[in-house]
PDB file of N, CA and C in Angstrom:
ATOM      1  N   MET A   1       1.119  -1.198   0.153  1.00  0.00           N
ATOM      2  CA  MET A   1       0.067  -0.044   0.159  1.00  0.00           C
ATOM      3  C   MET A   1       0.376   0.918   0.418  1.00  0.00           C
ATOM      4  N   ILE A   2       1.981   0.782   0.440  1.00  0.00           N
ATOM      5  CA  ILE A   2       2.794   2.801   0.999  1.00  0.00           C
ATOM      6  C   ILE A   2       2.985   2.926  -0.632  1.00  0.00           C
ATOM      7  N   GLU A   3       3.487   1.148  -1.173  1.00  0.00           N
ATOM      8  CA  GLU A   3       4.104   1.869  -2.770  1.00  0.00           C
ATOM      9  C   GLU A   3       3.242   2.079  -3.381  1.00  0.00           C
ATOM     10  N   ARG A   4       2.263   2.629  -3.911  1.00  0.00           N
ATOM     11  CA  ARG A   4       1.163   2.974  -4.542  1.00  0.00           C
ATOM     12  C   ARG A   4       0.961   3.876  -4.236  1.00  0.00           C
ATOM     13  N   LEU A   5       1.058   4.413  -2.326  1.00  0.00           N
ATOM     14  CA  LEU A   5       0.855   5.622  -2.036  1.00  0.00           C
ATOM     15  C   LEU A   5       2.019   7.043  -3.227  1.00  0.00           C
ATOM     16  N   LYS A   6       3.219   5.989  -3.336  1.00  0.00           N
ATOM     17  CA  LYS A   6       4.791   6.415  -3.666  1.00  0.00           C
ATOM     18  C   LYS A   6       4.648   6.979  -5.672  1.00  0.00           C
ATOM     19  N   LEU A   7       3.652   5.832  -5.357  1.00  0.00           N
ATOM     20  CA  LEU A   7       3.177   5.900  -6.606  1.00  0.00           C
ATOM     21  C   LEU A   7       2.534   6.556  -7.381  1.00  0.00           C
ATOM     22  N   LEU A   8       1.870   6.584  -6.713  1.00  0.00           N
ATOM     23  CA  LEU A   8       0.335   7.809  -7.139  1.00  0.00           C
ATOM     24  C   LEU A   8       0.572   9.266  -7.498  1.00  0.00           C
ATOM     25  N   ASN A   9       2.396   9.803  -6.197  1.00  0.00           N
ATOM     26  CA  ASN A   9       2.335  10.317  -5.493  1.00  0.00           C
ATOM     27  C   ASN A   9       3.104  11.215  -6.846  1.00  0.00           C
ATOM     28  N   GLU A  10       4.150  10.273  -6.503  1.00  0.00           N
ATOM     29  CA  GLU A  10       5.039  10.408  -8.113  1.00  0.00           C
ATOM     30  C   GLU A  10       4.074  10.692 -10.147  1.00  0.00           C
ATOM     31  N   ASN A  11       2.793  10.590 -10.291  1.00  0.00           N
ATOM     32  CA  ASN A  11       2.461  10.652 -11.071  1.00  0.00           C
ATOM     33  C   ASN A  11       2.154  11.840 -11.138  1.00  0.00           C
ATOM     34  N   LEU A  12       1.667  12.394  -9.763  1.00  0.00           N
ATOM     35  CA  LEU A  12       0.962  13.428  -9.112  1.00  0.00           C
ATOM     36  C   LEU A  12       1.823  15.086  -9.676  1.00  0.00           C
ATOM     37  N   ILE A  13       3.287  14.648  -9.158  1.00  0.00           N
ATOM     38  CA  ILE A  13       4.083  15.649  -9.831  1.00  0.00           C
ATOM     39  C   ILE A  13       4.612  15.567 -10.374  1.00  0.00           C
ATOM     40  N   LEU A  14       4.429  14.131 -11.225  1.00  0.00           N
ATOM     41  CA  LEU A  14       4.362  14.526 -13.114  1.00  0.00           C
ATOM     42  C   LEU A  14       2.846  15.381 -13.801  1.00  0.00           C
ATOM     43  N   LEU A  15       1.930  14.951 -13.063  1.00  0.00           N
ATOM     44  CA  LEU A  15       1.262  15.596 -13.629  1.00  0.00           C
ATOM     45  C   LEU A  15       0.716  17.520 -13.453  1.00  0.00           C
ATOM     46  N   ASN A  16       1.350  17.512 -12.548  1.00  0.00           N
ATOM     47  CA  ASN A  16       2.345  19.043 -11.966  1.00  0.00           C
ATOM     48  C   ASN A  16       2.882  19.658 -12.265  1.00  0.00           C
ATOM     49  N   LYS A  17       3.721  19.134 -13.702  1.00  0.00           N
ATOM     50  CA  LYS A  17       5.110  19.762 -14.153  1.00  0.00           C
ATOM     51  C   LYS A  17       5.205  21.050 -14.038  1.00  0.00           C
ATOM     52  N   ASP A  18       3.661  21.733 -14.058  1.00  0.00           N
ATOM     53  CA  ASP A  18       3.825  23.194 -15.083  1.00  0.00           C
ATOM     54  C   ASP A  18       3.291  23.686 -13.967  1.00  0.00           C
ATOM     55  N   ASN A  19       2.731  23.924 -12.674  1.00  0.00           N
ATOM     56  CA  ASN A  19       1.964  24.029 -11.055  1.00  0.00           C
ATOM     57  C   ASN A  19       3.361  24.150 -10.586  1.00  0.00           C
ATOM     58  N   PHE A  20       3.782  25.261  -9.914  1.00  0.00           N
ATOM     59  CA  PHE A  20       4.656  25.410  -9.346  1.00  0.00           C
ATOM     60  C   PHE A  20       4.224  24.946  -7.810  1.00  0.00           C
ATOM     61  N   LYS A  21       3.515  25.065  -7.274  1.00  0.00           N
ATOM     62  CA  LYS A  21       3.152  25.366  -6.101  1.00  0.00           C
ATOM     63  C   LYS A  21       2.504  23.531  -6.113  1.00  0.00           C
ATOM     64  N   GLU A  22       1.947  22.785  -6.550  1.00  0.00           N
ATOM     65  CA  GLU A  22       1.256  21.646  -6.276  1.00  0.00           C
ATOM     66  C   GLU A  22       2.370  20.903  -6.542  1.00  0.00           C
ATOM     67  N   LYS A  23       3.513  21.172  -7.373  1.00  0.00           N
ATOM     68  CA  LYS A  23       3.794  20.086  -7.278  1.00  0.00           C
ATOM     69  C   LYS A  23       4.763  20.388  -5.802  1.00  0.00           C
ATOM     70  N   GLU A  24       5.462  21.592  -5.585  1.00  0.00           N
ATOM     71  CA  GLU A  24       5.966  22.083  -4.570  1.00  0.00           C
ATOM     72  C   GLU A  24       5.405  20.708  -3.109  1.00  0.00           C
ATOM     73  N   LYS A  25       4.278  21.222  -2.802  1.00  0.00           N
ATOM     74  CA  LYS A  25       3.287  19.976  -2.071  1.00  0.00           C
ATOM     75  C   LYS A  25       3.377  18.395  -2.796  1.00  0.00           C
ATOM     76  N   TYR A  26       3.746  18.272  -3.402  1.00  0.00           N
ATOM     77  CA  TYR A  26       3.575  16.779  -3.848  1.00  0.00           C
ATOM     78  C   TYR A  26       5.265  16.831  -3.324  1.00  0.00           C
ATOM     79  N   LEU A  27       6.073  16.380  -3.815  1.00  0.00           N
ATOM     80  CA  LEU A  27       7.582  16.604  -3.317  1.00  0.00           C
ATOM     81  C   LEU A  27       8.048  16.395  -2.038  1.00  0.00           C
ATOM     82  N   VAL A  28       7.485  17.427  -1.220  1.00  0.00           N
ATOM     83  CA  VAL A  28       7.381  17.652   0.548  1.00  0.00           C
ATOM     84  C   VAL A  28       5.886  16.337   0.782  1.00  0.00           C
ATOM     85  N   ILE A  29       5.648  15.813  -0.433  1.00  0.00           N
ATOM     86  CA  ILE A  29       4.848  14.573   0.572  1.00  0.00           C
ATOM     87  C   ILE A  29       5.813  13.673  -0.004  1.00  0.00           C
ATOM     88  N   ARG A  30       6.125  13.293  -0.653  1.00  0.00           N
ATOM     89  CA  ARG A  30       7.951  12.525  -1.652  1.00  0.00           C
ATOM     90  C   ARG A  30       8.145  12.344  -0.293  1.00  0.00           C
ATOM     91  N   LYS A  31       9.236  13.456   0.217  1.00  0.00           N
ATOM     92  CA  LYS A  31      10.171  13.438   1.677  1.00  0.00           C
ATOM     93  C   LYS A  31       9.546  12.381   3.118  1.00  0.00           C
ATOM     94  N   ILE A  32       7.820  12.611   3.041  1.00  0.00           N
ATOM     95  CA  ILE A  32       7.299  12.225   3.952  1.00  0.00           C
ATOM     96  C   ILE A  32       6.805  10.412   3.343  1.00  0.00           C
ATOM     97  N   LEU A  33       6.661  10.554   2.973  1.00  0.00           N
ATOM     98  CA  LEU A  33       6.139   9.141   2.528  1.00  0.00           C
ATOM     99  C   LEU A  33       7.592   8.352   2.776  1.00  0.00           C
ATOM    100  N   ASN A  34       8.932   8.331   2.532  1.00  0.00           N
ATOM    101  CA  ASN A  34      10.591   8.862   1.886  1.00  0.00           C
ATOM    102  C   ASN A  34      10.653   8.005   3.517  1.00  0.00           C
ATOM    103  N   LYS A  35      10.168   8.614   4.579  1.00  0.00           N
ATOM    104  CA  LYS A  35      11.090   9.093   5.347  1.00  0.00           C
ATOM    105  C   LYS A  35      10.766   7.253   6.255  1.00  0.00           C
ATOM    106  N   LYS A  36      11.453   6.648   7.083  1.00  0.00           N
ATOM    107  CA  LYS A  36      11.294   5.109   7.283  1.00  0.00           C
ATOM    108  C   LYS A  36       9.907   5.665   8.974  1.00  0.00           C
ATOM    109  N   ASP A  37       8.873   5.026   8.827  1.00  0.00           N
ATOM    110  CA  ASP A  37       8.507   4.700   9.803  1.00  0.00           C
ATOM    111  C   ASP A  37       8.138   6.172   9.603  1.00  0.00           C
ATOM    112  N   PHE A  38       7.868   6.452   8.652  1.00  0.00           N
ATOM    113  CA  PHE A  38       6.817   7.993   8.317  1.00  0.00           C
ATOM    114  C   PHE A  38       5.117   7.262   8.772  1.00  0.00           C
ATOM    115  N   LEU A  39       4.516   6.964   8.982  1.00  0.00           N
ATOM    116  CA  LEU A  39       3.432   6.552   9.864  1.00  0.00           C
ATOM    117  C   LEU A  39       3.257   6.709  11.177  1.00  0.00           C
ATOM    118  N   LEU A  40       4.153   5.261  11.686  1.00  0.00           N
ATOM    119  CA  LEU A  40       3.825   5.391  13.373  1.00  0.00           C
ATOM    120  C   LEU A  40       4.319   7.294  14.407  1.00  0.00           C
ATOM    121  N   ASN A  41       5.332   7.862  13.311  1.00  0.00           N
ATOM    122  CA  ASN A  41       6.213   8.897  14.192  1.00  0.00           C
ATOM    123  C   ASN A  41       4.703  10.499  13.056  1.00  0.00           C
ATOM    124  N   THR A  42       3.957   9.701  12.954  1.00  0.00           N
ATOM    125  CA  THR A  42       3.354  10.875  12.295  1.00  0.00           C
ATOM    126  C   THR A  42       1.824  11.369  12.479  1.00  0.00           C
ATOM    127  N   ASN A  43       1.037  12.234  13.123  1.00  0.00           N
ATOM    128  CA  ASN A  43       0.219  12.331  13.824  1.00  0.00           C
ATOM    129  C   ASN A  43      -1.267  10.917  12.841  1.00  0.00           C
ATOM    130  N   ILE A  44      -2.408  11.021  13.348  1.00  0.00           N
ATOM    131  CA  ILE A  44      -3.382  10.451  12.052  1.00  0.00           C
ATOM    132  C   ILE A  44      -3.956  11.536  11.224  1.00  0.00           C
ATOM    133  N   LYS A  45      -4.367  12.689  11.596  1.00  0.00           N
ATOM    134  CA  LYS A  45      -4.575  13.889  10.883  1.00  0.00           C
ATOM    135  C   LYS A  45      -3.573  14.605  10.002  1.00  0.00           C
ATOM    136  N   TYR A  46      -2.815  14.270  10.288  1.00  0.00           N
ATOM    137  CA  TYR A  46      -1.864  14.666   9.244  1.00  0.00           C
ATOM    138  C   TYR A  46      -1.573  13.636   7.937  1.00  0.00           C
ATOM    139  N   VAL A  47      -1.588  12.285   8.471  1.00  0.00           N
ATOM    140  CA  VAL A  47      -2.008  11.186   7.212  1.00  0.00           C
ATOM    141  C   VAL A  47      -2.629  11.233   6.659  1.00  0.00           C
ATOM    142  N   TYR A  48      -4.771  11.640   7.038  1.00  0.00           N
ATOM    143  CA  TYR A  48      -5.599  11.644   6.495  1.00  0.00           C
ATOM    144  C   TYR A  48      -5.509  12.823   6.082  1.00  0.00           C
ATOM    145  N   ALA A  49      -4.340  13.850   5.375  1.00  0.00           N
ATOM    146  CA  ALA A  49      -3.785  15.421   4.885  1.00  0.00           C
ATOM    147  C   ALA A  49      -3.257  14.929   3.520  1.00  0.00           C
ATOM    148  N   ILE A  50      -1.949  13.844   3.380  1.00  0.00           N
ATOM    149  CA  ILE A  50      -1.863  13.573   3.352  1.00  0.00           C
ATOM    150  C   ILE A  50      -2.036  12.508   2.524  1.00  0.00           C
ATOM    151  N   LEU A  51      -3.664  11.964   2.672  1.00  0.00           N
ATOM    152  CA  LEU A  51      -4.046  10.426   1.754  1.00  0.00           C
ATOM    153  C   LEU A  51      -5.436  12.360   1.098  1.00  0.00           C
ATOM    154  N   ARG A  52      -5.746  12.405   1.351  1.00  0.00           N
ATOM    155  CA  ARG A  52      -6.667  13.755   0.634  1.00  0.00           C
ATOM    156  C   ARG A  52      -6.061  14.186  -0.361  1.00  0.00           C
ATOM    157  N   ASP A  53      -4.413  15.190  -0.045  1.00  0.00           N
ATOM    158  CA  ASP A  53      -3.400  15.054  -0.893  1.00  0.00           C
ATOM    159  C   ASP A  53      -3.876  13.895  -2.266  1.00  0.00           C
ATOM    160  N   LEU A  54      -3.580  13.081  -1.992  1.00  0.00           N
ATOM    161  CA  LEU A  54      -3.064  12.315  -2.644  1.00  0.00           C
ATOM    162  C   LEU A  54      -4.469  11.739  -3.870  1.00  0.00           C
ATOM    163  N   LYS A  55      -5.634  12.335  -3.196  1.00  0.00           N
ATOM    164  CA  LYS A  55      -7.087  12.599  -4.238  1.00  0.00           C
ATOM    165  C   LYS A  55      -7.712  11.274  -3.462  1.00  0.00           C
ATOM    166  N   PHE A  56      -7.403  10.587  -2.200  1.00  0.00           N
ATOM    167  CA  PHE A  56      -8.231   9.281  -2.250  1.00  0.00           C
ATOM    168  C   PHE A  56     -10.181  10.774  -1.867  1.00  0.00           C
ATOM    169  N   GLU A  57     -10.957   9.566  -1.339  1.00  0.00           N
ATOM    170  CA  GLU A  57     -12.060   9.834  -1.156  1.00  0.00           C
ATOM    171  C   GLU A  57     -12.152   9.817   0.292  1.00  0.00           C
ATOM    172  N   GLU A  58     -12.815  10.626   0.656  1.00  0.00           N
ATOM    173  CA  GLU A  58     -13.022  10.745   2.668  1.00  0.00           C
ATOM    174  C   GLU A  58     -13.710   9.417   2.789  1.00  0.00           C
ATOM    175  N   LYS A  59     -14.590   9.209   2.404  1.00  0.00           N
ATOM    176  CA  LYS A  59     -15.396   7.936   2.696  1.00  0.00           C
ATOM    177  C   LYS A  59     -13.754   6.536   3.239  1.00  0.00           C
ATOM    178  N   ASP A  60     -13.127   6.818   2.064  1.00  0.00           N
ATOM    179  CA  ASP A  60     -11.953   5.817   2.064  1.00  0.00           C
ATOM    180  C   ASP A  60     -11.049   5.813   2.989  1.00  0.00           C
ATOM    181  N   LEU A  61     -10.696   7.242   3.922  1.00  0.00           N
ATOM    182  CA  LEU A  61      -9.196   7.202   4.466  1.00  0.00           C
ATOM    183  C   LEU A  61      -9.029   6.240   5.940  1.00  0.00           C
ATOM    184  N   LYS A  62     -10.389   5.705   6.349  1.00  0.00           N
ATOM    185  CA  LYS A  62      -9.906   5.227   7.712  1.00  0.00           C
ATOM    186  C   LYS A  62      -9.637   4.227   7.376  1.00  0.00           C
ATOM    187  N   ASN A  63     -10.251   3.160   6.393  1.00  0.00           N
ATOM    188  CA  ASN A  63      -9.916   1.861   5.591  1.00  0.00           C
ATOM    189  C   ASN A  63      -9.077   2.047   5.147  1.00  0.00           C
ATOM    190  N   ILE A  64      -7.778   2.951   4.299  1.00  0.00           N
ATOM    191  CA  ILE A  64      -6.990   3.239   3.422  1.00  0.00           C
ATOM    192  C   ILE A  64      -5.358   2.682   5.175  1.00  0.00           C
ATOM    193  N   TYR A  65      -5.907   3.791   5.989  1.00  0.00           N
ATOM    194  CA  TYR A  65      -4.862   4.208   7.020  1.00  0.00           C
ATOM    195  C   TYR A  65      -5.033   3.364   7.564  1.00  0.00           C
ATOM    196  N   LEU A  66      -5.967   2.034   7.570  1.00  0.00           N
ATOM    197  CA  LEU A  66      -5.869   0.628   8.532  1.00  0.00           C
ATOM    198  C   LEU A  66      -5.223  -0.345   8.201  1.00  0.00           C
ATOM    199  N   LYS A  67      -5.572  -0.092   6.260  1.00  0.00           N
ATOM    200  CA  LYS A  67      -4.627  -0.945   5.459  1.00  0.00           C
ATOM    201  C   LYS A  67      -2.675  -0.422   5.981  1.00  0.00           C
ATOM    202  N   LEU A  68      -2.468   0.277   6.044  1.00  0.00           N
ATOM    203  CA  LEU A  68      -1.031   0.592   5.815  1.00  0.00           C
ATOM    204  C   LEU A  68      -0.731   0.615   7.855  1.00  0.00           C
ATOM    205  N   LEU A  69      -1.317   0.747   8.267  1.00  0.00           N
ATOM    206  CA  LEU A  69      -0.641  -0.284   9.284  1.00  0.00           C
ATOM    207  C   LEU A  69      -0.921  -1.945   9.206  1.00  0.00           C
ATOM    208  N   GLU A  70      -1.707  -2.046   9.201  1.00  0.00           N
ATOM    209  CA  GLU A  70      -1.692  -3.660   9.071  1.00  0.00           C
ATOM    210  C   GLU A  70      -0.399  -4.254   7.947  1.00  0.00           C
ATOM    211  N   GLU A  71      -0.106  -3.400   6.866  1.00  0.00           N
ATOM    212  CA  GLU A  71       0.938  -3.594   6.353  1.00  0.00           C
ATOM    213  C   GLU A  71       2.534  -3.472   7.401  1.00  0.00           C
ATOM    214  N   ILE A  72       2.545  -2.011   8.196  1.00  0.00           N
ATOM    215  CA  ILE A  72       4.109  -1.764   8.933  1.00  0.00           C
ATOM    216  C   ILE A  72       3.690  -3.606  10.065  1.00  0.00           C
ATOM    217  N   SER A  73       2.786  -3.959  10.512  1.00  0.00           N
ATOM    218  CA  SER A  73       2.358  -4.785  11.656  1.00  0.00           C
ATOM    219  C   SER A  73       3.321  -6.254  11.133  1.00  0.00           C
ATOM    220  N   ASN A  74       3.007  -6.289   9.709  1.00  0.00           N
ATOM    221  CA  ASN A  74       3.657  -7.337   9.044  1.00  0.00           C
ATOM    222  C   ASN A  74       5.075  -7.716   8.561  1.00  0.00           C
ATOM    223  N   ILE A  75       5.071  -6.577   8.574  1.00  0.00           N
ATOM    224  CA  ILE A  75       6.909  -6.351   8.315  1.00  0.00           C
ATOM    225  C   ILE A  75       7.665  -6.121   9.292  1.00  0.00           C
ATOM    226  N   LYS A  76       7.150  -5.435   9.994  1.00  0.00           N
ATOM    227  CA  LYS A  76       7.884  -5.709  11.810  1.00  0.00           C
ATOM    228  C   LYS A  76       7.999  -7.234  12.222  1.00  0.00           C
TER     229      LYS A  76
END
């Protein structure tokens, strides 16, 4: 799931190559997604905000967040 988020973010960077403000936002999100244990070290409200920025619907946020948590618990 985290790899899917990273790929989606990379696509949004490319789509916004001519929109400096939007591109910068997605570059910041890239840095966050690439941090080790970003999910464990990031407030849930910020994770939800990132998911919103990645164009996920509000009704799906909780489910996606839980899938991310499940994914990292299976890794450790």
